[in-house]
N, C-alpha and C. Protein backbone atom coordinates (compact mmCIF):
# COMPACT_ATOMS: atom_id res chain seq x y z
N MET A 1 112.90 95.54 113.03
CA MET A 1 114.08 96.08 113.68
C MET A 1 115.29 95.27 113.23
N THR A 2 116.32 95.95 112.79
CA THR A 2 117.53 95.24 112.40
C THR A 2 118.29 94.78 113.64
N PHE A 3 119.23 93.87 113.42
CA PHE A 3 120.07 93.39 114.52
C PHE A 3 120.82 94.55 115.17
N ILE A 4 121.37 95.42 114.34
CA ILE A 4 122.14 96.56 114.87
C ILE A 4 121.22 97.48 115.68
N ASP A 5 120.00 97.73 115.21
CA ASP A 5 119.03 98.52 115.96
C ASP A 5 118.72 97.87 117.31
N PHE A 6 118.57 96.54 117.30
CA PHE A 6 118.28 95.78 118.52
C PHE A 6 119.41 95.97 119.54
N ILE A 7 120.64 95.79 119.09
CA ILE A 7 121.79 95.93 120.00
C ILE A 7 121.91 97.36 120.48
N THR A 8 121.71 98.32 119.59
CA THR A 8 121.80 99.74 119.96
C THR A 8 120.74 100.09 121.00
N ALA A 9 119.52 99.63 120.79
CA ALA A 9 118.43 99.92 121.73
C ALA A 9 118.65 99.24 123.08
N ALA A 10 119.33 98.10 123.07
CA ALA A 10 119.48 97.32 124.29
C ALA A 10 120.72 97.68 125.10
N THR A 11 121.54 98.56 124.58
CA THR A 11 122.76 98.95 125.29
C THR A 11 122.75 100.46 125.53
N THR A 12 123.54 100.89 126.49
CA THR A 12 123.57 102.32 126.83
C THR A 12 124.52 103.07 125.91
N GLU A 13 124.33 104.38 125.86
CA GLU A 13 125.15 105.23 124.99
C GLU A 13 126.63 105.19 125.36
N ASP A 14 126.93 104.96 126.61
CA ASP A 14 128.32 104.97 127.05
C ASP A 14 129.04 103.64 126.79
N SER A 15 128.40 102.75 126.05
CA SER A 15 129.01 101.44 125.80
C SER A 15 129.28 101.21 124.31
N ASP A 16 129.72 102.26 123.61
CA ASP A 16 129.99 102.16 122.17
C ASP A 16 130.97 101.05 121.83
N ASN A 17 132.08 100.96 122.55
CA ASN A 17 133.08 99.92 122.27
C ASN A 17 132.51 98.53 122.51
N GLU A 18 131.79 98.39 123.60
CA GLU A 18 131.16 97.09 123.90
C GLU A 18 130.12 96.74 122.85
N ARG A 19 129.35 97.73 122.43
CA ARG A 19 128.33 97.53 121.40
C ARG A 19 128.98 97.05 120.10
N THR A 20 130.04 97.69 119.71
CA THR A 20 130.76 97.30 118.49
C THR A 20 131.30 95.87 118.61
N GLU A 21 131.82 95.54 119.77
CA GLU A 21 132.33 94.18 120.00
C GLU A 21 131.21 93.15 119.88
N ILE A 22 130.04 93.46 120.40
CA ILE A 22 128.89 92.55 120.31
C ILE A 22 128.51 92.34 118.84
N ILE A 23 128.35 93.43 118.13
CA ILE A 23 127.92 93.35 116.72
C ILE A 23 128.92 92.55 115.90
N GLN A 24 130.20 92.75 116.14
CA GLN A 24 131.23 92.05 115.37
C GLN A 24 131.32 90.56 115.71
N ALA A 25 130.83 90.16 116.87
CA ALA A 25 130.89 88.75 117.27
C ALA A 25 129.81 87.90 116.58
N PHE A 26 128.76 88.54 116.08
CA PHE A 26 127.67 87.83 115.41
C PHE A 26 127.91 87.82 113.91
N ARG A 27 127.32 86.85 113.23
CA ARG A 27 127.33 86.82 111.76
C ARG A 27 125.93 86.49 111.26
N GLN A 28 125.64 86.91 110.06
CA GLN A 28 124.32 86.69 109.48
C GLN A 28 124.21 85.27 108.94
N LEU A 29 123.06 84.64 109.16
CA LEU A 29 122.75 83.31 108.64
C LEU A 29 121.35 83.38 108.06
N ASN A 30 121.20 83.01 106.80
CA ASN A 30 119.89 83.01 106.14
C ASN A 30 119.39 81.58 106.03
N LEU A 31 118.15 81.38 106.43
CA LEU A 31 117.49 80.08 106.29
C LEU A 31 116.33 80.22 105.33
N LYS A 32 116.13 79.20 104.53
CA LYS A 32 114.94 79.11 103.68
C LYS A 32 113.85 78.39 104.47
N LYS A 33 112.60 78.59 104.06
CA LYS A 33 111.48 77.91 104.70
C LYS A 33 111.78 76.41 104.78
N HIS A 34 111.58 75.84 105.96
CA HIS A 34 111.80 74.42 106.29
C HIS A 34 113.26 74.06 106.56
N ASP A 35 114.21 75.00 106.39
CA ASP A 35 115.59 74.71 106.77
C ASP A 35 115.66 74.51 108.28
N VAL A 36 116.57 73.65 108.70
CA VAL A 36 116.71 73.32 110.12
C VAL A 36 117.84 74.14 110.74
N PHE A 37 117.54 74.78 111.86
CA PHE A 37 118.53 75.53 112.63
C PHE A 37 119.30 74.56 113.53
N VAL A 38 118.58 73.66 114.18
CA VAL A 38 119.18 72.57 114.95
C VAL A 38 118.23 71.37 114.86
N LYS A 39 118.81 70.20 114.74
CA LYS A 39 118.03 68.97 114.64
C LYS A 39 118.04 68.26 115.99
N GLU A 40 116.90 67.74 116.39
CA GLU A 40 116.80 66.97 117.63
C GLU A 40 117.88 65.89 117.62
N GLY A 41 118.63 65.78 118.72
CA GLY A 41 119.69 64.79 118.83
C GLY A 41 121.07 65.31 118.42
N GLU A 42 121.12 66.53 117.86
CA GLU A 42 122.40 67.12 117.49
C GLU A 42 122.67 68.34 118.37
N VAL A 43 123.92 68.73 118.48
CA VAL A 43 124.30 69.86 119.31
C VAL A 43 123.91 71.17 118.62
N CYS A 44 123.29 72.07 119.38
CA CYS A 44 122.95 73.40 118.87
C CYS A 44 124.22 74.24 118.85
N LEU A 45 124.57 74.73 117.67
CA LEU A 45 125.83 75.45 117.49
C LEU A 45 125.74 76.95 117.77
N TYR A 46 124.51 77.50 117.77
CA TYR A 46 124.38 78.95 117.83
C TYR A 46 123.28 79.43 118.77
N PHE A 47 123.49 80.63 119.24
CA PHE A 47 122.49 81.47 119.88
C PHE A 47 122.17 82.52 118.83
N CYS A 48 120.90 82.89 118.64
CA CYS A 48 120.62 83.80 117.53
C CYS A 48 119.56 84.85 117.84
N TYR A 49 119.66 85.93 117.08
CA TYR A 49 118.65 86.98 117.02
C TYR A 49 117.93 86.79 115.69
N ILE A 50 116.60 86.80 115.72
CA ILE A 50 115.81 86.65 114.50
C ILE A 50 115.46 88.03 113.97
N GLU A 51 116.12 88.44 112.91
CA GLU A 51 115.84 89.74 112.30
C GLU A 51 114.57 89.69 111.46
N ASN A 52 114.38 88.59 110.76
CA ASN A 52 113.16 88.34 109.97
C ASN A 52 112.86 86.85 110.00
N GLY A 53 111.57 86.52 109.96
CA GLY A 53 111.18 85.13 109.88
C GLY A 53 110.58 84.61 111.16
N ILE A 54 110.21 83.33 111.10
CA ILE A 54 109.58 82.65 112.23
C ILE A 54 110.23 81.27 112.36
N LEU A 55 110.63 80.92 113.57
CA LEU A 55 111.22 79.60 113.83
C LEU A 55 110.32 78.81 114.75
N GLN A 56 110.20 77.52 114.44
CA GLN A 56 109.39 76.59 115.23
C GLN A 56 110.30 75.70 116.07
N HIS A 57 110.02 75.62 117.36
CA HIS A 57 110.67 74.65 118.25
C HIS A 57 109.72 73.46 118.33
N ALA A 58 110.23 72.26 118.08
CA ALA A 58 109.37 71.08 118.10
C ALA A 58 110.16 69.85 118.53
N LEU A 59 109.43 68.84 118.97
CA LEU A 59 110.04 67.57 119.30
C LEU A 59 109.14 66.44 118.85
N GLU A 60 109.74 65.27 118.71
CA GLU A 60 109.00 64.07 118.30
C GLU A 60 108.49 63.37 119.55
N VAL A 61 107.19 63.10 119.59
CA VAL A 61 106.58 62.35 120.68
C VAL A 61 105.72 61.27 120.04
N ASP A 62 106.09 60.02 120.25
CA ASP A 62 105.36 58.89 119.68
C ASP A 62 105.15 59.05 118.17
N GLY A 63 106.19 59.51 117.48
CA GLY A 63 106.13 59.66 116.04
C GLY A 63 105.41 60.90 115.54
N ASN A 64 104.94 61.74 116.45
CA ASN A 64 104.24 62.96 116.07
C ASN A 64 105.06 64.19 116.46
N GLU A 65 105.08 65.18 115.58
CA GLU A 65 105.77 66.43 115.86
C GLU A 65 104.91 67.28 116.79
N LYS A 66 105.50 67.74 117.88
CA LYS A 66 104.81 68.60 118.84
C LYS A 66 105.52 69.95 118.91
N THR A 67 104.79 71.01 118.58
CA THR A 67 105.35 72.36 118.66
C THR A 67 105.38 72.80 120.11
N THR A 68 106.56 73.23 120.56
CA THR A 68 106.70 73.67 121.95
C THR A 68 106.82 75.19 122.06
N TYR A 69 107.22 75.83 120.95
CA TYR A 69 107.43 77.27 121.00
C TYR A 69 107.52 77.79 119.58
N ILE A 70 107.10 79.03 119.37
CA ILE A 70 107.25 79.69 118.09
C ILE A 70 108.01 80.99 118.34
N ALA A 71 109.20 81.09 117.75
CA ALA A 71 110.05 82.26 117.94
C ALA A 71 109.84 83.22 116.77
N LEU A 72 109.54 84.46 117.10
CA LEU A 72 109.19 85.47 116.10
C LEU A 72 110.35 86.42 115.85
N LYS A 73 110.19 87.23 114.78
CA LYS A 73 111.23 88.21 114.47
C LYS A 73 111.38 89.18 115.64
N ASN A 74 112.58 89.73 115.74
CA ASN A 74 112.96 90.66 116.81
C ASN A 74 113.02 90.00 118.18
N THR A 75 113.27 88.68 118.18
CA THR A 75 113.49 87.96 119.44
C THR A 75 114.76 87.14 119.30
N VAL A 76 115.20 86.56 120.39
CA VAL A 76 116.36 85.66 120.35
C VAL A 76 115.88 84.25 120.64
N THR A 77 116.65 83.28 120.15
CA THR A 77 116.29 81.90 120.40
C THR A 77 117.50 80.99 120.26
N SER A 78 117.35 79.79 120.78
CA SER A 78 118.36 78.75 120.70
C SER A 78 117.78 77.52 121.37
N SER A 79 118.42 76.40 121.19
CA SER A 79 118.17 75.26 122.07
C SER A 79 119.20 75.47 123.17
N LEU A 80 118.86 76.30 124.13
CA LEU A 80 119.83 76.89 125.04
C LEU A 80 120.63 75.87 125.85
N TYR A 81 119.97 74.87 126.38
CA TYR A 81 120.70 73.86 127.17
C TYR A 81 121.74 73.16 126.30
N SER A 82 121.33 72.78 125.11
CA SER A 82 122.25 72.14 124.17
C SER A 82 123.40 73.07 123.81
N PHE A 83 123.09 74.31 123.52
CA PHE A 83 124.10 75.30 123.14
C PHE A 83 125.11 75.51 124.27
N LEU A 84 124.64 75.77 125.47
CA LEU A 84 125.53 76.08 126.59
C LEU A 84 126.35 74.88 127.06
N ASN A 85 125.76 73.69 126.98
CA ASN A 85 126.44 72.49 127.49
C ASN A 85 127.02 71.60 126.39
N GLN A 86 126.80 72.00 125.12
CA GLN A 86 127.30 71.24 123.97
C GLN A 86 126.87 69.77 124.06
N THR A 87 125.59 69.59 124.35
CA THR A 87 124.98 68.26 124.42
C THR A 87 123.89 68.17 123.35
N PRO A 88 123.48 66.96 122.99
CA PRO A 88 122.43 66.82 121.97
C PRO A 88 121.14 67.55 122.38
N SER A 89 120.56 68.24 121.42
CA SER A 89 119.32 68.98 121.66
C SER A 89 118.15 68.02 121.80
N ARG A 90 117.27 68.32 122.71
CA ARG A 90 116.06 67.52 122.88
C ARG A 90 114.95 67.95 121.93
N LYS A 91 115.21 69.00 121.15
CA LYS A 91 114.20 69.50 120.23
C LYS A 91 114.86 69.93 118.93
N SER A 92 114.03 70.09 117.91
CA SER A 92 114.48 70.65 116.64
C SER A 92 113.98 72.08 116.56
N ILE A 93 114.70 72.90 115.82
CA ILE A 93 114.26 74.26 115.52
C ILE A 93 114.38 74.42 114.01
N LYS A 94 113.26 74.77 113.37
CA LYS A 94 113.29 74.95 111.92
C LYS A 94 112.56 76.22 111.53
N ALA A 95 112.88 76.70 110.33
CA ALA A 95 112.27 77.92 109.81
C ALA A 95 110.89 77.60 109.24
N LEU A 96 109.88 78.33 109.70
CA LEU A 96 108.53 78.22 109.13
C LEU A 96 108.38 79.14 107.94
N THR A 97 109.26 80.13 107.85
CA THR A 97 109.31 81.08 106.73
C THR A 97 110.79 81.29 106.42
N ASP A 98 111.09 81.93 105.31
CA ASP A 98 112.47 82.35 105.09
C ASP A 98 112.87 83.22 106.28
N ALA A 99 114.10 83.08 106.73
CA ALA A 99 114.51 83.78 107.95
C ALA A 99 115.92 84.36 107.81
N THR A 100 116.11 85.54 108.39
CA THR A 100 117.43 86.15 108.51
C THR A 100 117.78 86.15 109.98
N LEU A 101 118.84 85.44 110.31
CA LEU A 101 119.28 85.31 111.69
C LEU A 101 120.65 85.94 111.85
N TRP A 102 120.93 86.39 113.07
CA TRP A 102 122.27 86.82 113.44
C TRP A 102 122.71 85.85 114.52
N VAL A 103 123.78 85.09 114.26
CA VAL A 103 124.18 83.99 115.13
C VAL A 103 125.55 84.24 115.75
N ILE A 104 125.73 83.61 116.91
CA ILE A 104 127.02 83.66 117.60
C ILE A 104 127.32 82.25 118.09
N ASP A 105 128.59 81.81 117.97
CA ASP A 105 128.97 80.48 118.45
C ASP A 105 129.30 80.56 119.95
N LEU A 106 129.47 79.41 120.56
CA LEU A 106 129.65 79.34 122.01
C LEU A 106 130.92 80.04 122.48
N GLU A 107 132.01 79.88 121.77
CA GLU A 107 133.27 80.50 122.20
C GLU A 107 133.14 82.02 122.28
N LYS A 108 132.61 82.63 121.22
CA LYS A 108 132.43 84.09 121.22
C LYS A 108 131.38 84.51 122.24
N PHE A 109 130.33 83.71 122.37
CA PHE A 109 129.26 83.98 123.33
C PHE A 109 129.82 84.04 124.76
N MET A 110 130.60 83.03 125.13
CA MET A 110 131.14 82.98 126.49
C MET A 110 132.14 84.11 126.74
N LYS A 111 132.92 84.43 125.72
CA LYS A 111 133.87 85.54 125.85
C LYS A 111 133.12 86.84 126.10
N LEU A 112 132.06 87.09 125.33
CA LEU A 112 131.27 88.31 125.53
C LEU A 112 130.60 88.31 126.90
N LYS A 113 130.02 87.18 127.27
CA LYS A 113 129.30 87.10 128.54
C LYS A 113 130.23 87.39 129.71
N THR A 114 131.47 86.96 129.60
CA THR A 114 132.45 87.13 130.67
C THR A 114 133.09 88.53 130.66
N ASN A 115 133.38 89.06 129.47
CA ASN A 115 134.20 90.26 129.37
C ASN A 115 133.48 91.53 128.93
N ASN A 116 132.22 91.42 128.55
CA ASN A 116 131.52 92.57 127.99
C ASN A 116 130.28 92.84 128.85
N LYS A 117 130.36 93.89 129.67
CA LYS A 117 129.26 94.19 130.60
C LYS A 117 127.94 94.45 129.89
N ALA A 118 128.00 95.12 128.74
CA ALA A 118 126.77 95.41 127.99
C ALA A 118 126.11 94.11 127.51
N PHE A 119 126.92 93.16 127.03
CA PHE A 119 126.36 91.88 126.58
C PHE A 119 125.81 91.09 127.76
N PHE A 120 126.54 91.08 128.87
CA PHE A 120 126.05 90.37 130.05
C PHE A 120 124.69 90.91 130.48
N GLN A 121 124.54 92.24 130.51
CA GLN A 121 123.27 92.86 130.90
C GLN A 121 122.18 92.53 129.88
N LEU A 122 122.51 92.57 128.61
CA LEU A 122 121.56 92.22 127.56
C LEU A 122 121.09 90.79 127.73
N TYR A 123 122.01 89.88 127.91
CA TYR A 123 121.68 88.46 128.09
C TYR A 123 120.82 88.25 129.34
N TYR A 124 121.18 88.89 130.42
CA TYR A 124 120.41 88.79 131.66
C TYR A 124 118.98 89.28 131.44
N THR A 125 118.83 90.41 130.77
CA THR A 125 117.51 90.98 130.49
C THR A 125 116.68 90.04 129.61
N ILE A 126 117.32 89.46 128.58
CA ILE A 126 116.63 88.51 127.70
C ILE A 126 116.14 87.31 128.50
N LEU A 127 117.01 86.74 129.34
CA LEU A 127 116.62 85.58 130.14
C LEU A 127 115.46 85.90 131.08
N GLU A 128 115.54 87.04 131.73
CA GLU A 128 114.47 87.46 132.63
C GLU A 128 113.13 87.55 131.88
N LYS A 129 113.16 88.19 130.73
CA LYS A 129 111.95 88.35 129.92
C LYS A 129 111.40 87.00 129.48
N GLN A 130 112.28 86.10 129.04
CA GLN A 130 111.84 84.78 128.58
C GLN A 130 111.23 83.96 129.73
N ILE A 131 111.83 84.04 130.89
CA ILE A 131 111.30 83.30 132.04
C ILE A 131 109.90 83.81 132.37
N CYS A 132 109.70 85.11 132.32
CA CYS A 132 108.37 85.68 132.57
C CYS A 132 107.37 85.24 131.51
N LEU A 133 107.78 85.24 130.23
CA LEU A 133 106.89 84.79 129.16
C LEU A 133 106.52 83.32 129.30
N ILE A 134 107.50 82.49 129.63
CA ILE A 134 107.24 81.06 129.83
C ILE A 134 106.30 80.85 130.99
N ASP A 135 106.51 81.56 132.07
CA ASP A 135 105.64 81.46 133.24
C ASP A 135 104.21 81.86 132.87
N ASP A 136 104.07 82.97 132.16
CA ASP A 136 102.76 83.45 131.72
C ASP A 136 102.08 82.41 130.82
N TYR A 137 102.83 81.86 129.89
CA TYR A 137 102.31 80.85 128.95
C TYR A 137 101.82 79.61 129.72
N ARG A 138 102.60 79.15 130.67
CA ARG A 138 102.21 77.96 131.45
C ARG A 138 100.96 78.23 132.27
N ILE A 139 100.87 79.41 132.86
CA ILE A 139 99.68 79.76 133.63
C ILE A 139 98.46 79.83 132.70
N ASP A 140 98.63 80.43 131.52
CA ASP A 140 97.53 80.50 130.55
C ASP A 140 97.03 79.11 130.17
N LEU A 141 97.96 78.16 129.97
CA LEU A 141 97.55 76.80 129.61
C LEU A 141 96.68 76.17 130.69
N LEU A 142 96.93 76.54 131.94
CA LEU A 142 96.20 75.95 133.05
C LEU A 142 94.93 76.71 133.42
N THR A 143 94.87 78.00 133.11
CA THR A 143 93.75 78.81 133.60
C THR A 143 92.81 79.34 132.53
N LEU A 144 93.26 79.42 131.29
CA LEU A 144 92.42 79.98 130.24
C LEU A 144 91.82 78.87 129.39
N THR A 145 90.64 79.11 128.89
CA THR A 145 90.02 78.16 127.96
C THR A 145 90.74 78.27 126.62
N PRO A 146 90.58 77.29 125.75
CA PRO A 146 91.19 77.40 124.41
C PRO A 146 90.76 78.68 123.68
N GLU A 147 89.50 79.05 123.83
CA GLU A 147 89.00 80.28 123.19
C GLU A 147 89.71 81.51 123.74
N GLU A 148 89.92 81.54 125.05
CA GLU A 148 90.60 82.68 125.68
C GLU A 148 92.07 82.74 125.25
N ARG A 149 92.72 81.58 125.15
CA ARG A 149 94.11 81.56 124.69
C ARG A 149 94.20 82.06 123.25
N TYR A 150 93.24 81.68 122.41
CA TYR A 150 93.21 82.14 121.03
C TYR A 150 92.99 83.65 120.97
N ARG A 151 92.04 84.15 121.76
CA ARG A 151 91.78 85.60 121.78
C ARG A 151 93.01 86.38 122.24
N LYS A 152 93.71 85.85 123.24
CA LYS A 152 94.92 86.51 123.73
C LYS A 152 95.98 86.56 122.64
N LEU A 153 96.15 85.47 121.91
CA LEU A 153 97.10 85.44 120.81
C LEU A 153 96.68 86.41 119.71
N LEU A 154 95.40 86.44 119.43
CA LEU A 154 94.86 87.34 118.41
C LEU A 154 95.13 88.81 118.78
N ALA A 155 94.99 89.13 120.06
CA ALA A 155 95.22 90.50 120.52
C ALA A 155 96.72 90.86 120.54
N SER A 156 97.56 89.92 120.94
CA SER A 156 98.98 90.23 121.11
C SER A 156 99.82 90.01 119.85
N GLU A 157 99.45 89.07 119.01
CA GLU A 157 100.24 88.74 117.81
C GLU A 157 99.34 88.48 116.61
N PRO A 158 98.58 89.46 116.15
CA PRO A 158 97.64 89.22 115.05
C PRO A 158 98.30 88.74 113.75
N LYS A 159 99.53 89.22 113.47
CA LYS A 159 100.22 88.80 112.25
C LYS A 159 100.58 87.32 112.30
N LEU A 160 100.81 86.81 113.50
CA LEU A 160 101.16 85.40 113.66
C LEU A 160 100.06 84.50 113.10
N LEU A 161 98.82 84.91 113.29
CA LEU A 161 97.69 84.12 112.82
C LEU A 161 97.62 84.09 111.30
N GLN A 162 98.21 85.08 110.65
CA GLN A 162 98.23 85.11 109.18
C GLN A 162 99.45 84.38 108.62
N GLU A 163 100.54 84.34 109.36
CA GLU A 163 101.80 83.84 108.84
C GLU A 163 102.12 82.39 109.20
N VAL A 164 101.53 81.88 110.27
CA VAL A 164 101.87 80.54 110.74
C VAL A 164 100.71 79.58 110.45
N PRO A 165 101.01 78.43 109.85
CA PRO A 165 99.95 77.46 109.58
C PRO A 165 99.19 77.05 110.84
N LEU A 166 97.91 76.79 110.64
CA LEU A 166 96.97 76.49 111.72
C LEU A 166 97.47 75.39 112.66
N HIS A 167 98.00 74.30 112.12
CA HIS A 167 98.37 73.18 112.99
C HIS A 167 99.53 73.52 113.93
N TYR A 168 100.43 74.43 113.53
CA TYR A 168 101.50 74.85 114.42
C TYR A 168 100.95 75.71 115.56
N LEU A 169 100.06 76.62 115.20
CA LEU A 169 99.45 77.49 116.23
C LEU A 169 98.61 76.67 117.20
N ALA A 170 97.87 75.72 116.68
CA ALA A 170 97.04 74.88 117.54
C ALA A 170 97.92 74.15 118.56
N ALA A 171 99.00 73.55 118.08
CA ALA A 171 99.90 72.83 118.98
C ALA A 171 100.51 73.78 120.01
N PHE A 172 100.90 74.96 119.58
CA PHE A 172 101.49 75.95 120.48
C PHE A 172 100.50 76.36 121.56
N LEU A 173 99.22 76.48 121.20
CA LEU A 173 98.18 76.89 122.16
C LEU A 173 97.62 75.72 122.96
N GLY A 174 98.07 74.51 122.67
CA GLY A 174 97.57 73.34 123.39
C GLY A 174 96.16 72.97 122.99
N ILE A 175 95.84 73.15 121.70
CA ILE A 175 94.49 72.90 121.18
C ILE A 175 94.62 71.95 119.99
N SER A 176 93.66 71.07 119.80
CA SER A 176 93.69 70.22 118.62
C SER A 176 93.43 71.08 117.38
N SER A 177 93.93 70.64 116.24
CA SER A 177 93.71 71.39 114.99
C SER A 177 92.23 71.53 114.68
N ARG A 178 91.47 70.50 114.94
CA ARG A 178 90.02 70.53 114.68
C ARG A 178 89.34 71.58 115.56
N HIS A 179 89.69 71.58 116.87
CA HIS A 179 89.10 72.56 117.79
C HIS A 179 89.53 73.98 117.40
N MET A 180 90.79 74.13 117.01
CA MET A 180 91.30 75.44 116.59
C MET A 180 90.52 75.96 115.39
N SER A 181 90.22 75.08 114.46
CA SER A 181 89.46 75.45 113.27
C SER A 181 88.06 75.97 113.65
N ARG A 182 87.43 75.30 114.60
CA ARG A 182 86.11 75.73 115.07
C ARG A 182 86.20 77.09 115.77
N ILE A 183 87.24 77.27 116.59
CA ILE A 183 87.42 78.53 117.30
C ILE A 183 87.61 79.68 116.30
N ARG A 184 88.42 79.46 115.29
CA ARG A 184 88.69 80.51 114.30
C ARG A 184 87.43 80.92 113.55
N LYS A 185 86.51 79.98 113.36
CA LYS A 185 85.27 80.29 112.65
C LYS A 185 84.35 81.16 113.51
N THR A 186 84.40 80.98 114.82
CA THR A 186 83.48 81.73 115.70
C THR A 186 84.08 83.03 116.21
N ILE A 187 85.40 83.13 116.25
CA ILE A 187 86.08 84.33 116.77
C ILE A 187 86.84 84.98 115.63
N LYS A 188 86.53 86.23 115.36
CA LYS A 188 87.25 86.94 114.30
C LYS A 188 87.81 88.23 114.80
């Protein structure tokens, strides 16, 4: 889905002017594999829609990179607290694949959020959906076995298992790489 298709689908037919204003406020940003969207300790400059590609959210813990989230195409992402408050990000976000993003800076973002009802509704809907996904993910970590979490990922995002390296998926699912390797051999 293109960015324009995303905005069109997420707004009502009677909001053509607002839709145009939203589209014009964003600009395209292309990242190559391993390019950094935001570095831990630096301010996140953008909120973005991922038209193509996969972004990894990660942080350093005792010298080890820990994946906290994997953002897929046709979703939005940011280091939101850093972006909204213009404070150093507690995590890094980097491209796991070449990526096409549509980004908006804070000034334009706040103007749209305040003055554009269609954007406000879109943002509200995105936040609601993300909170539900995070809640579901946290419950899964506490209630499902590693095998069940893998099966759920296999059922909901089969392409992810082909496109994302094993160690990132293992960290995302809360499983060691070694255990993940064993699970993949027994579950197909």
